[in-house]
Amino acid sequence: MPRGKELEPVTRAKIVVLRDEGNSYATIGAILNVNPNTAKKVYYKYSGSENYKSEPRSERPKLLDEIDTSVIKHHVTYDRDKRRRPLAEIKTALNLPVFV
């Protein structure tokens, strides 16, 4: 979990370039106003790559897959009486692994 604002890709590229030029992490930190330890971590992570963008974050796992969703839609829209049932009853009737 990040503790501060995420660095821009341009700043990461500058860190790699400054380190490749022979500057110390303390000097890089003073020039770019970042913590020297941050500069070190960024350099080790991005020194061999051409892409300085962050990797996409993982999303929360879906509770229901597409099949379960279509089963619920069919169950609710097929019969007029089933539309008014509480979700707990629908879950029990379809035996879905969802906590309500």
C-alpha atoms as a PDB file:
ATOM      1  CA  MET A   1       0.000   0.000   0.000  1.00  0.00           C
ATOM      2  CA  PRO A   2       1.484   3.346  -0.987  1.00  0.00           C
ATOM      3  CA  ARG A   3       2.289   5.776   1.769  1.00  0.00           C
ATOM      4  CA  GLY A   4       2.426   8.887  -0.353  1.00  0.00           C
ATOM      5  CA  LYS A   5       1.698  10.259  -3.762  1.00  0.00           C
ATOM      6  CA  GLU A   6       2.753   8.026  -6.636  1.00  0.00           C
ATOM      7  CA  LEU A   7       5.677   9.249  -8.729  1.00  0.00           C
ATOM      8  CA  GLU A   8       5.027  10.343 -12.277  1.00  0.00           C
ATOM      9  CA  PRO A   9       6.599   8.253 -15.068  1.00  0.00           C
ATOM     10  CA  VAL A  10       8.714  11.284 -16.048  1.00  0.00           C
ATOM     11  CA  THR A  11      10.178  11.460 -12.543  1.00  0.00           C
ATOM     12  CA  ARG A  12      10.974   7.745 -12.640  1.00  0.00           C
ATOM     13  CA  ALA A  13      12.746   8.195 -15.961  1.00  0.00           C
ATOM     14  CA  LYS A  14      14.737  11.121 -14.549  1.00  0.00           C
ATOM     15  CA  ILE A  15      15.824   8.988 -11.585  1.00  0.00           C
ATOM     16  CA  VAL A  16      17.100   6.253 -13.907  1.00  0.00           C
ATOM     17  CA  VAL A  17      18.909   8.744 -16.165  1.00  0.00           C
ATOM     18  CA  LEU A  18      20.519  10.601 -13.244  1.00  0.00           C
ATOM     19  CA  ARG A  19      21.695   7.346 -11.669  1.00  0.00           C
ATOM     20  CA  ASP A  20      23.093   6.122 -14.987  1.00  0.00           C
ATOM     21  CA  GLU A  21      25.033   9.387 -15.190  1.00  0.00           C
ATOM     22  CA  GLY A  22      26.738   8.474 -11.907  1.00  0.00           C
ATOM     23  CA  ASN A  23      24.818  10.559  -9.375  1.00  0.00           C
ATOM     24  CA  SER A  24      24.254   9.169  -5.894  1.00  0.00           C
ATOM     25  CA  TYR A  25      20.799   8.462  -4.547  1.00  0.00           C
ATOM     26  CA  ALA A  26      21.162  11.325  -2.066  1.00  0.00           C
ATOM     27  CA  THR A  27      21.976  13.725  -4.919  1.00  0.00           C
ATOM     28  CA  ILE A  28      19.063  12.434  -6.987  1.00  0.00           C
ATOM     29  CA  GLY A  29      16.782  12.857  -3.978  1.00  0.00           C
ATOM     30  CA  ALA A  30      17.909  16.439  -3.497  1.00  0.00           C
ATOM     31  CA  ILE A  31      17.534  17.312  -7.191  1.00  0.00           C
ATOM     32  CA  LEU A  32      14.079  15.758  -7.641  1.00  0.00           C
ATOM     33  CA  ASN A  33      12.825  16.310  -4.080  1.00  0.00           C
ATOM     34  CA  VAL A  34      12.259  12.607  -3.355  1.00  0.00           C
ATOM     35  CA  ASN A  35      13.515  10.370  -0.595  1.00  0.00           C
ATOM     36  CA  PRO A  36      16.876   8.738  -1.468  1.00  0.00           C
ATOM     37  CA  ASN A  37      15.438   5.318  -0.563  1.00  0.00           C
ATOM     38  CA  THR A  38      12.583   5.946  -2.996  1.00  0.00           C
ATOM     39  CA  ALA A  39      15.094   6.854  -5.695  1.00  0.00           C
ATOM     40  CA  LYS A  40      16.972   3.619  -5.005  1.00  0.00           C
ATOM     41  CA  LYS A  41      13.820   1.465  -5.184  1.00  0.00           C
ATOM     42  CA  VAL A  42      12.681   3.178  -8.377  1.00  0.00           C
ATOM     43  CA  TYR A  43      16.089   2.695  -9.979  1.00  0.00           C
ATOM     44  CA  TYR A  44      16.211  -1.013  -9.159  1.00  0.00           C
ATOM     45  CA  LYS A  45      12.669  -1.544 -10.421  1.00  0.00           C
ATOM     46  CA  TYR A  46      12.844   0.474 -13.655  1.00  0.00           C
ATOM     47  CA  SER A  47      16.533   0.493 -14.632  1.00  0.00           C
ATOM     48  CA  GLY A  48      16.211  -2.285 -17.196  1.00  0.00           C
ATOM     49  CA  SER A  49      12.911  -1.255 -18.727  1.00  0.00           C
ATOM     50  CA  GLU A  50      11.817   1.314 -21.269  1.00  0.00           C
ATOM     51  CA  ASN A  51       8.360   1.662 -19.744  1.00  0.00           C
ATOM     52  CA  TYR A  52       8.163   3.823 -16.622  1.00  0.00           C
ATOM     53  CA  LYS A  53       4.403   3.573 -16.107  1.00  0.00           C
ATOM     54  CA  SER A  54       2.872   1.813 -13.116  1.00  0.00           C
ATOM     55  CA  GLU A  55       1.416  -1.609 -13.583  1.00  0.00           C
ATOM     56  CA  PRO A  56      -2.373  -1.760 -13.447  1.00  0.00           C
ATOM     57  CA  ARG A  57      -3.837  -2.448 -10.041  1.00  0.00           C
ATOM     58  CA  SER A  58      -5.692  -5.654  -9.412  1.00  0.00           C
ATOM     59  CA  GLU A  59      -9.419  -5.359  -9.022  1.00  0.00           C
ATOM     60  CA  ARG A  60     -11.675  -6.874  -6.459  1.00  0.00           C
ATOM     61  CA  PRO A  61     -12.696 -10.392  -7.500  1.00  0.00           C
ATOM     62  CA  LYS A  62     -16.209 -10.703  -8.845  1.00  0.00           C
ATOM     63  CA  LEU A  63     -18.733 -12.340  -6.538  1.00  0.00           C
ATOM     64  CA  LEU A  64     -20.666 -13.819  -9.431  1.00  0.00           C
ATOM     65  CA  ASP A  65     -19.399 -14.936 -12.790  1.00  0.00           C
ATOM     66  CA  GLU A  66     -21.256 -14.363 -16.057  1.00  0.00           C
ATOM     67  CA  ILE A  67     -23.128 -17.656 -15.843  1.00  0.00           C
ATOM     68  CA  ASP A  68     -24.459 -16.955 -12.342  1.00  0.00           C
ATOM     69  CA  THR A  69     -25.502 -13.463 -13.414  1.00  0.00           C
ATOM     70  CA  SER A  70     -27.411 -14.776 -16.411  1.00  0.00           C
ATOM     71  CA  VAL A  71     -29.113 -17.423 -14.235  1.00  0.00           C
ATOM     72  CA  ILE A  72     -30.282 -14.723 -11.821  1.00  0.00           C
ATOM     73  CA  LYS A  73     -31.538 -12.538 -14.693  1.00  0.00           C
ATOM     74  CA  HIS A  74     -33.448 -15.453 -16.169  1.00  0.00           C
ATOM     75  CA  HIS A  75     -34.867 -16.445 -12.790  1.00  0.00           C
ATOM     76  CA  VAL A  76     -36.065 -12.912 -12.021  1.00  0.00           C
ATOM     77  CA  THR A  77     -37.375 -11.925 -15.447  1.00  0.00           C
ATOM     78  CA  TYR A  78     -39.024 -15.237 -16.379  1.00  0.00           C
ATOM     79  CA  ASP A  79     -41.830 -15.159 -13.841  1.00  0.00           C
ATOM     80  CA  ARG A  80     -43.647 -12.087 -12.574  1.00  0.00           C
ATOM     81  CA  ASP A  81     -44.013 -13.471  -9.024  1.00  0.00           C
ATOM     82  CA  LYS A  82     -40.308 -14.161  -8.683  1.00  0.00           C
ATOM     83  CA  ARG A  83     -39.431 -10.507  -9.262  1.00  0.00           C
ATOM     84  CA  ARG A  84     -40.816  -9.515  -5.877  1.00  0.00           C
ATOM     85  CA  ARG A  85     -38.877 -12.061  -3.837  1.00  0.00           C
ATOM     86  CA  PRO A  86     -36.101 -10.934  -1.504  1.00  0.00           C
ATOM     87  CA  LEU A  87     -32.548 -11.627  -2.589  1.00  0.00           C
ATOM     88  CA  ALA A  88     -32.083 -14.181   0.187  1.00  0.00           C
ATOM     89  CA  GLU A  89     -34.901 -16.317  -1.226  1.00  0.00           C
ATOM     90  CA  ILE A  90     -33.520 -16.064  -4.763  1.00  0.00           C
ATOM     91  CA  LYS A  91     -30.102 -17.073  -3.488  1.00  0.00           C
ATOM     92  CA  THR A  92     -31.557 -20.084  -1.690  1.00  0.00           C
ATOM     93  CA  ALA A  93     -33.659 -21.123  -4.680  1.00  0.00           C
ATOM     94  CA  LEU A  94     -30.690 -20.984  -7.049  1.00  0.00           C
ATOM     95  CA  ASN A  95     -28.113 -22.302  -4.545  1.00  0.00           C
ATOM     96  CA  LEU A  96     -25.689 -19.436  -5.174  1.00  0.00           C
ATOM     97  CA  PRO A  97     -22.459 -19.041  -3.202  1.00  0.00           C
ATOM     98  CA  VAL A  98     -23.181 -15.410  -2.271  1.00  0.00           C
ATOM     99  CA  PHE A  99     -23.475 -14.021   1.235  1.00  0.00           C
ATOM    100  CA  VAL A 100     -26.407 -11.696   1.804  1.00  0.00           C
END
